[in-house]
Amino acid sequence: MKHVILPDNIRRSLAFYLAMEEFVAREIEGEAFFVWRVEPTVIFGRNQVLENEVNLEYCREHGVDIVRRKSGGGCVYSDLGNIMVSYISRRGDVSEVFDRYMTALTEALRALGVPAEKSGRNDILVEGRKISGNAFHQLPDRSIVHGTLLYSTDLEALTEAIRPPVEKLQRHGVESVRQRVMNLSEYVALMTESDDALKSPEALEEYLVGYFTDGEIVLNENDLEKIKLITDTYGR
């Protein structure tokens, strides 16, 4: 699997990175992987009703961007403390591709001493609390899996920005989003000894790239122009 790298260190919008996934799926052969982080943004699924899932007033007041993705799944809040993971592979059985990615991410965390466990189809938990949620998107001949990895996200902002239906929380036996989720940094603080890869989001990003990939592909300026065109297809 190859690590896809941008030709500069500029941090871009979430819509750009979703478009980058599509570009990689269409233009690059073989399996590909990259990680990224963004300024505060809410991402909601293709089938969700914006007004029912997002606190629009809070997002306006606090400068939180809002983007609809093309995959299904629930509403997500992301900021610089949340590592976003993108995995692109051949098109195959949805369950098989999704499970392969989820298993690999879980095993990557367990190798660092984090007792990560898959939960249902979409989530990864640590001690019963969610640290990662994931979604799936298929193109005609390629599969895209993308997800979150909460490291030091502002969980108060997360709680304010999104508002999942009460019945969804009840299914998980909790009364609030804050009860259900946890930052990895919270667990790391309780470890008597921790791997250097857990010391910061930057260190964890570097570890994941090394764990998943065995080479790299550097995009060029022409590639960036093509990605920008796809970016325009993302909105609310």
Protein backbone atom coordinates (compact mmCIF):
# COMPACT_ATOMS: atom_id res chain seq x y z
CA MET A 1 0.00 0.00 0.00
CA LYS A 2 1.32 3.46 -0.93
CA HIS A 3 1.28 6.63 1.14
CA VAL A 4 -0.11 9.52 -0.91
CA ILE A 5 1.63 12.82 -0.16
CA LEU A 6 0.81 16.38 -1.16
CA PRO A 7 3.64 18.46 -2.71
CA ASP A 8 3.49 21.05 0.09
CA ASN A 9 2.67 21.37 3.78
CA ILE A 10 -0.39 23.58 3.38
CA ARG A 11 -3.36 22.53 5.50
CA ARG A 12 -6.52 22.46 3.40
CA SER A 13 -10.29 22.20 3.88
CA LEU A 14 -12.05 18.97 4.65
CA ALA A 15 -13.82 19.10 1.27
CA PHE A 16 -10.40 19.11 -0.41
CA TYR A 17 -9.31 15.93 1.36
CA LEU A 18 -12.55 14.16 0.48
CA ALA A 19 -11.95 15.20 -3.13
CA MET A 20 -8.38 13.94 -2.81
CA GLU A 21 -9.76 10.52 -1.88
CA GLU A 22 -11.83 10.50 -5.06
CA PHE A 23 -8.87 11.62 -7.17
CA VAL A 24 -6.63 8.90 -5.74
CA ALA A 25 -9.35 6.28 -6.30
CA ARG A 26 -9.74 7.30 -9.94
CA GLU A 27 -6.14 8.02 -10.88
CA ILE A 28 -3.82 5.82 -8.79
CA GLU A 29 -3.52 2.06 -9.18
CA GLY A 30 -3.31 -0.26 -6.22
CA GLU A 31 -4.07 0.41 -2.57
CA ALA A 32 -3.43 3.86 -1.15
CA PHE A 33 -3.48 5.48 2.28
CA PHE A 34 -3.10 8.94 3.78
CA VAL A 35 -3.89 10.80 7.00
CA TRP A 36 -4.93 14.41 7.47
CA ARG A 37 -6.26 16.92 9.98
CA VAL A 38 -8.44 20.00 9.55
CA GLU A 39 -9.63 23.10 11.35
CA PRO A 40 -13.01 22.66 13.14
CA THR A 41 -15.49 21.10 10.72
CA VAL A 42 -18.71 19.10 10.92
CA ILE A 43 -19.08 16.33 8.33
CA PHE A 44 -22.49 14.76 7.85
CA GLY A 45 -23.57 11.74 5.82
CA ARG A 46 -25.16 11.80 2.39
CA ASN A 47 -28.58 10.73 3.70
CA GLN A 48 -28.76 12.94 6.78
CA VAL A 49 -30.94 16.03 7.20
CA LEU A 50 -28.58 18.85 8.11
CA GLU A 51 -30.94 20.69 10.45
CA ASN A 52 -31.66 17.50 12.43
CA GLU A 53 -28.02 16.56 13.03
CA VAL A 54 -26.05 19.81 13.29
CA ASN A 55 -26.26 22.76 15.68
CA LEU A 56 -26.17 25.38 12.93
CA GLU A 57 -26.24 28.34 15.30
CA TYR A 58 -23.24 27.06 17.27
CA CYS A 59 -21.29 26.34 14.07
CA ARG A 60 -21.98 29.83 12.70
CA GLU A 61 -20.97 31.52 15.94
CA HIS A 62 -17.75 29.51 16.32
CA GLY A 63 -16.61 29.40 12.69
CA VAL A 64 -17.12 25.65 12.30
CA ASP A 65 -17.24 24.61 8.64
CA ILE A 66 -19.96 22.19 7.50
CA VAL A 67 -19.51 19.65 4.69
CA ARG A 68 -21.72 16.84 3.38
CA ARG A 69 -19.75 13.75 2.41
CA LYS A 70 -20.75 11.22 -0.25
CA SER A 71 -20.58 8.24 2.09
CA GLY A 72 -23.30 7.26 4.53
CA GLY A 73 -23.07 7.08 8.29
CA GLY A 74 -23.48 9.56 11.08
CA CYS A 75 -22.46 13.12 11.81
CA VAL A 76 -18.84 13.80 12.81
CA TYR A 77 -17.02 16.76 14.35
CA SER A 78 -13.34 17.11 13.46
CA ASP A 79 -10.57 19.49 14.49
CA LEU A 80 -6.78 19.44 14.70
CA GLY A 81 -6.94 16.91 17.55
CA ASN A 82 -8.69 14.36 15.33
CA ILE A 83 -6.71 12.28 12.85
CA MET A 84 -8.67 11.52 9.71
CA VAL A 85 -7.68 8.32 7.94
CA SER A 86 -8.28 7.54 4.24
CA TYR A 87 -7.91 4.06 2.78
CA ILE A 88 -8.50 3.42 -0.92
CA SER A 89 -8.58 -0.08 -2.40
CA ARG A 90 -10.01 -2.14 -5.23
CA ARG A 91 -13.78 -2.45 -5.28
CA GLY A 92 -14.92 -5.60 -3.54
CA ASP A 93 -17.52 -6.90 -1.16
CA VAL A 94 -18.37 -3.97 1.12
CA SER A 95 -18.27 -6.03 4.31
CA GLU A 96 -14.94 -7.65 3.41
CA VAL A 97 -13.18 -4.39 2.48
CA PHE A 98 -14.57 -2.54 5.48
CA ASP A 99 -13.65 -5.33 7.89
CA ARG A 100 -10.11 -5.55 6.48
CA TYR A 101 -9.53 -1.86 7.15
CA MET A 102 -11.17 -1.90 10.59
CA THR A 103 -9.15 -4.94 11.63
CA ALA A 104 -5.90 -3.35 10.47
CA LEU A 105 -6.56 -0.09 12.34
CA THR A 106 -7.55 -1.97 15.48
CA GLU A 107 -4.41 -4.11 15.34
CA ALA A 108 -2.25 -1.02 14.75
CA LEU A 109 -3.56 0.48 17.98
CA ARG A 110 -3.27 -2.77 19.93
CA ALA A 111 0.37 -3.01 18.88
CA LEU A 112 0.89 0.23 20.84
CA GLY A 113 -0.70 -1.21 23.96
CA VAL A 114 -4.12 0.37 23.42
CA PRO A 115 -6.92 -2.19 24.07
CA ALA A 116 -8.85 -1.22 20.95
CA GLU A 117 -11.85 -3.31 19.91
CA LYS A 118 -14.13 -3.24 16.88
CA SER A 119 -17.75 -2.54 17.71
CA GLY A 120 -20.46 -3.25 15.20
CA ARG A 121 -19.53 -2.31 11.67
CA ASN A 122 -18.34 1.27 12.05
CA ASP A 123 -16.73 1.94 15.42
CA ILE A 124 -13.57 1.23 17.39
CA LEU A 125 -13.80 1.42 21.17
CA VAL A 126 -11.38 1.63 24.07
CA GLU A 127 -12.80 0.47 27.38
CA GLY A 128 -16.33 0.82 26.02
CA ARG A 129 -15.95 4.35 24.66
CA LYS A 130 -15.68 5.34 21.03
CA ILE A 131 -12.36 6.64 19.67
CA SER A 132 -13.00 5.99 15.97
CA GLY A 133 -15.98 6.07 13.63
CA ASN A 134 -15.74 5.05 9.97
CA ALA A 135 -17.72 5.22 6.74
CA PHE A 136 -17.63 3.61 3.30
CA HIS A 137 -18.00 5.02 -0.22
CA GLN A 138 -17.83 3.07 -3.49
CA LEU A 139 -16.94 4.28 -6.97
CA PRO A 140 -17.55 2.06 -10.04
CA ASP A 141 -14.32 0.09 -9.55
CA ARG A 142 -12.83 1.37 -6.28
CA SER A 143 -13.65 1.48 -2.57
CA ILE A 144 -12.97 4.36 -0.18
CA VAL A 145 -13.01 3.87 3.58
CA HIS A 146 -12.48 6.92 5.74
CA GLY A 147 -12.75 7.57 9.42
CA THR A 148 -11.81 9.42 12.56
CA LEU A 149 -9.25 8.73 15.26
CA LEU A 150 -9.86 10.99 18.24
CA TYR A 151 -6.58 11.95 19.87
CA SER A 152 -7.11 15.33 21.55
CA THR A 153 -10.30 16.67 19.99
CA ASP A 154 -12.19 19.42 21.81
CA LEU A 155 -14.98 17.19 23.09
CA GLU A 156 -16.99 20.10 24.46
CA ALA A 157 -17.07 21.62 20.96
CA LEU A 158 -17.97 18.20 19.55
CA THR A 159 -20.87 17.96 21.98
CA GLU A 160 -22.15 21.40 21.03
CA ALA A 161 -21.70 21.13 17.26
CA ILE A 162 -23.51 17.86 16.61
CA ARG A 163 -26.75 16.50 18.00
CA PRO A 164 -27.46 12.87 17.18
CA PRO A 165 -31.02 11.60 17.61
CA VAL A 166 -31.87 10.57 21.18
CA GLU A 167 -32.75 7.04 20.06
CA LYS A 168 -29.23 6.58 18.66
CA LEU A 169 -27.67 7.43 22.02
CA GLN A 170 -30.15 5.18 23.82
CA ARG A 171 -29.08 2.25 21.64
CA HIS A 172 -25.60 2.69 23.09
CA GLY A 173 -26.87 3.05 26.66
CA VAL A 174 -25.74 6.67 27.11
CA GLU A 175 -27.46 10.02 27.51
CA SER A 176 -24.97 12.25 25.69
CA VAL A 177 -22.29 12.21 22.99
CA ARG A 178 -19.71 13.16 25.61
CA GLN A 179 -20.44 9.99 27.59
CA ARG A 180 -19.93 7.82 24.55
CA VAL A 181 -16.66 9.17 23.12
CA MET A 182 -13.09 9.43 24.41
CA ASN A 183 -9.81 10.90 23.25
CA LEU A 184 -6.87 8.55 22.99
CA SER A 185 -4.88 11.09 24.99
CA GLU A 186 -7.22 10.39 27.94
CA TYR A 187 -6.27 6.73 27.89
CA VAL A 188 -2.57 7.45 27.30
CA ALA A 189 -2.53 9.66 30.42
CA LEU A 190 -3.53 6.61 32.48
CA MET A 191 -0.86 4.29 31.03
CA THR A 192 2.16 3.69 33.26
CA GLU A 193 4.28 3.44 30.12
CA SER A 194 3.36 4.42 26.58
CA ASP A 195 4.95 4.13 23.17
CA ASP A 196 6.41 7.31 21.66
CA ALA A 197 3.86 6.99 18.85
CA LEU A 198 1.15 7.92 21.35
CA LYS A 199 2.81 11.13 22.55
CA SER A 200 1.10 13.45 20.03
CA PRO A 201 -1.22 13.39 16.99
CA GLU A 202 1.81 14.04 14.78
CA ALA A 203 3.63 11.02 16.21
CA LEU A 204 0.55 8.84 15.80
CA GLU A 205 0.12 9.97 12.19
CA GLU A 206 3.73 9.00 11.45
CA TYR A 207 3.24 5.62 13.10
CA LEU A 208 0.09 4.86 11.10
CA VAL A 209 1.78 5.73 7.83
CA GLY A 210 4.64 3.38 8.67
CA TYR A 211 2.24 0.64 9.78
CA PHE A 212 0.00 0.73 6.72
CA THR A 213 2.35 1.64 3.86
CA ASP A 214 5.54 0.45 2.16
CA GLY A 215 6.22 3.31 -0.24
CA GLU A 216 4.94 6.70 -1.30
CA ILE A 217 3.40 8.62 -4.18
CA VAL A 218 3.89 12.39 -4.28
CA LEU A 219 1.18 14.36 -6.06
CA ASN A 220 2.07 17.28 -8.33
CA GLU A 221 0.54 20.67 -9.13
CA ASN A 222 -1.48 19.23 -12.01
CA ASP A 223 -2.95 16.68 -9.61
CA LEU A 224 -3.89 19.49 -7.22
CA GLU A 225 -5.81 21.28 -9.96
CA LYS A 226 -7.81 18.13 -10.68
CA ILE A 227 -8.55 17.70 -6.97
CA LYS A 228 -9.76 21.29 -6.72
CA LEU A 229 -12.31 20.61 -9.48
CA ILE A 230 -13.67 17.64 -7.51
CA THR A 231 -13.75 19.78 -4.35
CA ASP A 232 -16.43 21.92 -5.96
CA THR A 233 -18.80 18.92 -5.90
CA TYR A 234 -18.85 18.97 -2.10
CA GLY A 235 -21.17 21.28 -0.21
CA ARG A 236 -24.13 21.10 2.12
